Amino acid sequence: MTGPLEHEMRQLLTAAFAPTSLDVINDSATHRGHSGDDGSGESHFTIVIESDRFAGMARLQRQRHVNAALGDIPGKRVHALAIKARAPGE
């Protein structure tokens, strides 16, 4: 089941990057009781995204673009976010 925050992240990333592939993986259950677990069930995520828009960008630049597209979600509404961003064919 997709939670509201996961759904919002998927919408924002789709609008910003028109990805050829997008996985928003909720890792919160594996961090239950740890630092940053706010009990919402939506505190830790992994994003795996592939988009033509990442072509020619360095890894750090890609991560910055993903964080910017997510607005106030990283660090404020989500405790931890792992990002794996690539261009097609990588």
N, C-alpha and C. Protein backbone atom coordinates (compact mmCIF):
# COMPACT_ATOMS: atom_id res chain seq x y z
N MET A 1 0.83 -1.18 0.00
CA MET A 1 0.00 0.00 0.00
C MET A 1 0.88 1.25 0.00
N THR A 2 0.55 2.19 -0.84
CA THR A 2 1.31 3.42 -0.95
C THR A 2 0.76 4.45 0.03
N GLY A 3 1.67 5.03 0.84
CA GLY A 3 1.27 6.07 1.76
C GLY A 3 1.22 7.42 1.06
N PRO A 4 0.65 8.43 1.73
CA PRO A 4 0.50 9.74 1.10
C PRO A 4 1.83 10.40 0.74
N LEU A 5 2.84 10.25 1.57
CA LEU A 5 4.13 10.86 1.29
C LEU A 5 4.82 10.16 0.12
N GLU A 6 4.74 8.85 0.08
CA GLU A 6 5.30 8.10 -1.03
C GLU A 6 4.61 8.50 -2.34
N HIS A 7 3.31 8.64 -2.30
CA HIS A 7 2.54 9.04 -3.48
C HIS A 7 2.95 10.45 -3.93
N GLU A 8 3.11 11.36 -2.99
CA GLU A 8 3.53 12.73 -3.32
C GLU A 8 4.92 12.75 -3.96
N MET A 9 5.85 11.98 -3.40
CA MET A 9 7.20 11.92 -3.98
C MET A 9 7.15 11.40 -5.41
N ARG A 10 6.37 10.37 -5.64
CA ARG A 10 6.24 9.79 -6.98
C ARG A 10 5.70 10.85 -7.96
N GLN A 11 4.70 11.60 -7.55
CA GLN A 11 4.13 12.64 -8.41
C GLN A 11 5.15 13.74 -8.71
N LEU A 12 5.86 14.21 -7.70
CA LEU A 12 6.84 15.28 -7.89
C LEU A 12 7.97 14.84 -8.82
N LEU A 13 8.46 13.63 -8.63
CA LEU A 13 9.56 13.13 -9.45
C LEU A 13 9.12 12.89 -10.89
N THR A 14 7.91 12.41 -11.07
CA THR A 14 7.39 12.19 -12.42
C THR A 14 7.25 13.52 -13.15
N ALA A 15 6.74 14.53 -12.46
CA ALA A 15 6.57 15.85 -13.08
C ALA A 15 7.92 16.49 -13.42
N ALA A 16 8.91 16.32 -12.56
CA ALA A 16 10.20 16.98 -12.74
C ALA A 16 11.10 16.29 -13.76
N PHE A 17 11.02 14.96 -13.85
CA PHE A 17 12.01 14.22 -14.63
C PHE A 17 11.45 13.35 -15.75
N ALA A 18 10.14 13.18 -15.84
CA ALA A 18 9.54 12.28 -16.83
C ALA A 18 10.37 10.98 -16.90
N PRO A 19 10.50 10.28 -15.78
CA PRO A 19 11.41 9.13 -15.74
C PRO A 19 10.98 7.97 -16.63
N THR A 20 11.99 7.27 -17.15
CA THR A 20 11.73 6.04 -17.89
C THR A 20 11.53 4.88 -16.92
N SER A 21 12.02 5.07 -15.68
CA SER A 21 11.85 4.08 -14.62
C SER A 21 11.88 4.82 -13.29
N LEU A 22 10.99 4.45 -12.38
CA LEU A 22 10.94 5.08 -11.07
C LEU A 22 10.46 4.09 -10.03
N ASP A 23 11.26 3.89 -8.99
CA ASP A 23 10.87 3.10 -7.83
C ASP A 23 11.04 3.97 -6.60
N VAL A 24 9.98 4.10 -5.83
CA VAL A 24 10.03 4.79 -4.55
C VAL A 24 9.79 3.69 -3.52
N ILE A 25 10.84 3.34 -2.80
CA ILE A 25 10.81 2.18 -1.90
C ILE A 25 10.77 2.67 -0.46
N ASN A 26 9.75 2.25 0.26
CA ASN A 26 9.60 2.63 1.66
C ASN A 26 10.40 1.66 2.52
N ASP A 27 11.49 2.17 3.10
CA ASP A 27 12.37 1.37 3.95
C ASP A 27 12.07 1.55 5.44
N SER A 28 11.00 2.24 5.76
CA SER A 28 10.73 2.64 7.14
C SER A 28 10.62 1.46 8.10
N ALA A 29 10.04 0.36 7.66
CA ALA A 29 9.85 -0.78 8.55
C ALA A 29 11.17 -1.33 9.06
N THR A 30 12.22 -1.23 8.26
CA THR A 30 13.52 -1.74 8.68
C THR A 30 14.22 -0.81 9.67
N HIS A 31 13.66 0.38 9.88
CA HIS A 31 14.25 1.36 10.79
C HIS A 31 13.34 1.63 12.00
N ARG A 32 12.32 0.82 12.17
CA ARG A 32 11.38 1.00 13.28
C ARG A 32 12.14 1.00 14.61
N GLY A 33 11.90 2.03 15.39
CA GLY A 33 12.54 2.14 16.70
C GLY A 33 13.90 2.79 16.67
N HIS A 34 14.44 3.08 15.49
CA HIS A 34 15.74 3.72 15.36
C HIS A 34 15.59 5.23 15.30
N SER A 35 16.70 5.91 15.31
CA SER A 35 16.72 7.36 15.19
C SER A 35 15.99 7.80 13.92
N GLY A 36 15.14 8.79 14.07
CA GLY A 36 14.44 9.32 12.92
C GLY A 36 13.11 8.65 12.63
N ASP A 37 12.81 7.54 13.30
CA ASP A 37 11.53 6.87 13.11
C ASP A 37 10.48 7.66 13.87
N ASP A 38 9.60 8.32 13.13
CA ASP A 38 8.58 9.16 13.78
C ASP A 38 7.26 8.41 14.00
N GLY A 39 7.24 7.12 13.66
CA GLY A 39 6.04 6.32 13.86
C GLY A 39 5.03 6.43 12.73
N SER A 40 5.31 7.26 11.74
CA SER A 40 4.37 7.47 10.63
C SER A 40 4.39 6.33 9.63
N GLY A 41 5.48 5.55 9.63
CA GLY A 41 5.64 4.51 8.62
C GLY A 41 6.16 5.06 7.31
N GLU A 42 6.52 6.35 7.30
CA GLU A 42 7.06 6.99 6.10
C GLU A 42 8.22 7.91 6.49
N SER A 43 9.25 7.32 7.07
CA SER A 43 10.40 8.12 7.53
C SER A 43 11.69 7.84 6.77
N HIS A 44 11.79 6.70 6.10
CA HIS A 44 13.00 6.29 5.39
C HIS A 44 12.63 5.74 4.01
N PHE A 45 13.26 6.28 2.96
CA PHE A 45 12.96 5.85 1.60
C PHE A 45 14.22 5.69 0.77
N THR A 46 14.11 4.86 -0.26
CA THR A 46 15.11 4.76 -1.32
C THR A 46 14.40 5.10 -2.62
N ILE A 47 15.03 5.97 -3.40
CA ILE A 47 14.50 6.33 -4.71
C ILE A 47 15.47 5.82 -5.77
N VAL A 48 14.95 5.05 -6.71
CA VAL A 48 15.72 4.57 -7.85
C VAL A 48 15.03 5.17 -9.07
N ILE A 49 15.72 6.07 -9.76
CA ILE A 49 15.10 6.80 -10.86
C ILE A 49 16.02 6.82 -12.07
N GLU A 50 15.43 6.63 -13.24
CA GLU A 50 16.16 6.70 -14.50
C GLU A 50 15.46 7.74 -15.37
N SER A 51 16.24 8.69 -15.89
CA SER A 51 15.67 9.74 -16.73
C SER A 51 16.72 10.25 -17.71
N ASP A 52 16.25 10.61 -18.89
CA ASP A 52 17.13 11.24 -19.88
C ASP A 52 17.73 12.54 -19.34
N ARG A 53 17.05 13.17 -18.43
CA ARG A 53 17.49 14.47 -17.89
C ARG A 53 18.76 14.36 -17.06
N PHE A 54 19.14 13.15 -16.69
CA PHE A 54 20.38 12.96 -15.91
C PHE A 54 21.60 12.76 -16.79
N ALA A 55 21.41 12.65 -18.09
CA ALA A 55 22.54 12.43 -19.01
C ALA A 55 23.54 13.57 -18.88
N GLY A 56 24.81 13.22 -18.73
CA GLY A 56 25.88 14.20 -18.63
C GLY A 56 26.06 14.82 -17.26
N MET A 57 25.25 14.44 -16.29
CA MET A 57 25.36 14.98 -14.93
C MET A 57 26.19 14.05 -14.06
N ALA A 58 26.93 14.63 -13.14
CA ALA A 58 27.65 13.87 -12.13
C ALA A 58 26.66 13.35 -11.09
N ARG A 59 27.04 12.32 -10.36
CA ARG A 59 26.17 11.70 -9.34
C ARG A 59 25.64 12.72 -8.34
N LEU A 60 26.52 13.56 -7.81
CA LEU A 60 26.11 14.55 -6.81
C LEU A 60 25.12 15.55 -7.40
N GLN A 61 25.33 15.96 -8.62
CA GLN A 61 24.43 16.91 -9.28
C GLN A 61 23.03 16.27 -9.45
N ARG A 62 23.00 15.00 -9.81
CA ARG A 62 21.73 14.29 -9.95
C ARG A 62 20.99 14.26 -8.62
N GLN A 63 21.72 13.94 -7.55
CA GLN A 63 21.09 13.87 -6.24
C GLN A 63 20.56 15.24 -5.81
N ARG A 64 21.29 16.28 -6.11
CA ARG A 64 20.82 17.64 -5.78
C ARG A 64 19.55 17.98 -6.54
N HIS A 65 19.47 17.58 -7.80
CA HIS A 65 18.26 17.83 -8.60
C HIS A 65 17.06 17.07 -8.03
N VAL A 66 17.27 15.84 -7.63
CA VAL A 66 16.18 15.05 -7.05
C VAL A 66 15.73 15.69 -5.74
N ASN A 67 16.68 16.05 -4.88
CA ASN A 67 16.32 16.71 -3.62
C ASN A 67 15.55 18.00 -3.87
N ALA A 68 15.99 18.80 -4.84
CA ALA A 68 15.31 20.06 -5.15
C ALA A 68 13.89 19.80 -5.64
N ALA A 69 13.70 18.78 -6.45
CA ALA A 69 12.36 18.45 -6.96
C ALA A 69 11.42 18.04 -5.83
N LEU A 70 11.97 17.48 -4.77
CA LEU A 70 11.16 17.01 -3.64
C LEU A 70 10.86 18.11 -2.63
N GLY A 71 11.40 19.29 -2.82
CA GLY A 71 11.08 20.43 -1.96
C GLY A 71 11.43 20.21 -0.50
N ASP A 72 10.44 20.33 0.38
CA ASP A 72 10.69 20.24 1.82
C ASP A 72 10.66 18.80 2.35
N ILE A 73 10.51 17.83 1.47
CA ILE A 73 10.41 16.44 1.93
C ILE A 73 11.72 15.94 2.53
N PRO A 74 12.86 16.02 1.81
CA PRO A 74 14.11 15.51 2.39
C PRO A 74 14.55 16.33 3.61
N GLY A 75 14.80 15.65 4.70
CA GLY A 75 15.32 16.30 5.89
C GLY A 75 14.29 16.95 6.78
N LYS A 76 13.10 17.20 6.27
CA LYS A 76 12.04 17.81 7.08
C LYS A 76 10.90 16.84 7.29
N ARG A 77 10.41 16.27 6.20
CA ARG A 77 9.27 15.36 6.31
C ARG A 77 9.69 13.90 6.21
N VAL A 78 10.90 13.66 5.71
CA VAL A 78 11.48 12.32 5.65
C VAL A 78 12.84 12.39 6.31
N HIS A 79 13.10 11.46 7.21
CA HIS A 79 14.37 11.46 7.95
C HIS A 79 15.55 11.06 7.07
N ALA A 80 15.37 10.03 6.24
CA ALA A 80 16.48 9.51 5.44
C ALA A 80 16.00 9.18 4.03
N LEU A 81 16.81 9.59 3.05
CA LEU A 81 16.46 9.37 1.66
C LEU A 81 17.73 8.94 0.91
N ALA A 82 17.72 7.72 0.39
CA ALA A 82 18.81 7.24 -0.46
C ALA A 82 18.38 7.43 -1.90
N ILE A 83 19.28 7.97 -2.73
CA ILE A 83 18.94 8.28 -4.11
C ILE A 83 19.90 7.56 -5.05
N LYS A 84 19.33 6.82 -5.99
CA LYS A 84 20.09 6.17 -7.05
C LYS A 84 19.52 6.71 -8.36
N ALA A 85 20.20 7.69 -8.95
CA ALA A 85 19.72 8.34 -10.17
C ALA A 85 20.65 8.02 -11.32
N ARG A 86 20.08 7.64 -12.46
CA ARG A 86 20.89 7.29 -13.61
C ARG A 86 20.19 7.71 -14.89
N ALA A 87 20.98 7.83 -15.95
CA ALA A 87 20.44 8.07 -17.28
C ALA A 87 20.24 6.71 -17.96
N PRO A 88 19.34 6.61 -18.93
CA PRO A 88 19.13 5.34 -19.63
C PRO A 88 20.45 4.81 -20.20
N GLY A 89 20.62 3.51 -20.09
CA GLY A 89 21.81 2.87 -20.62
C GLY A 89 22.97 2.78 -19.65
N GLU A 90 22.83 3.38 -18.48
CA GLU A 90 23.92 3.33 -17.49
C GLU A 90 23.77 2.12 -16.60
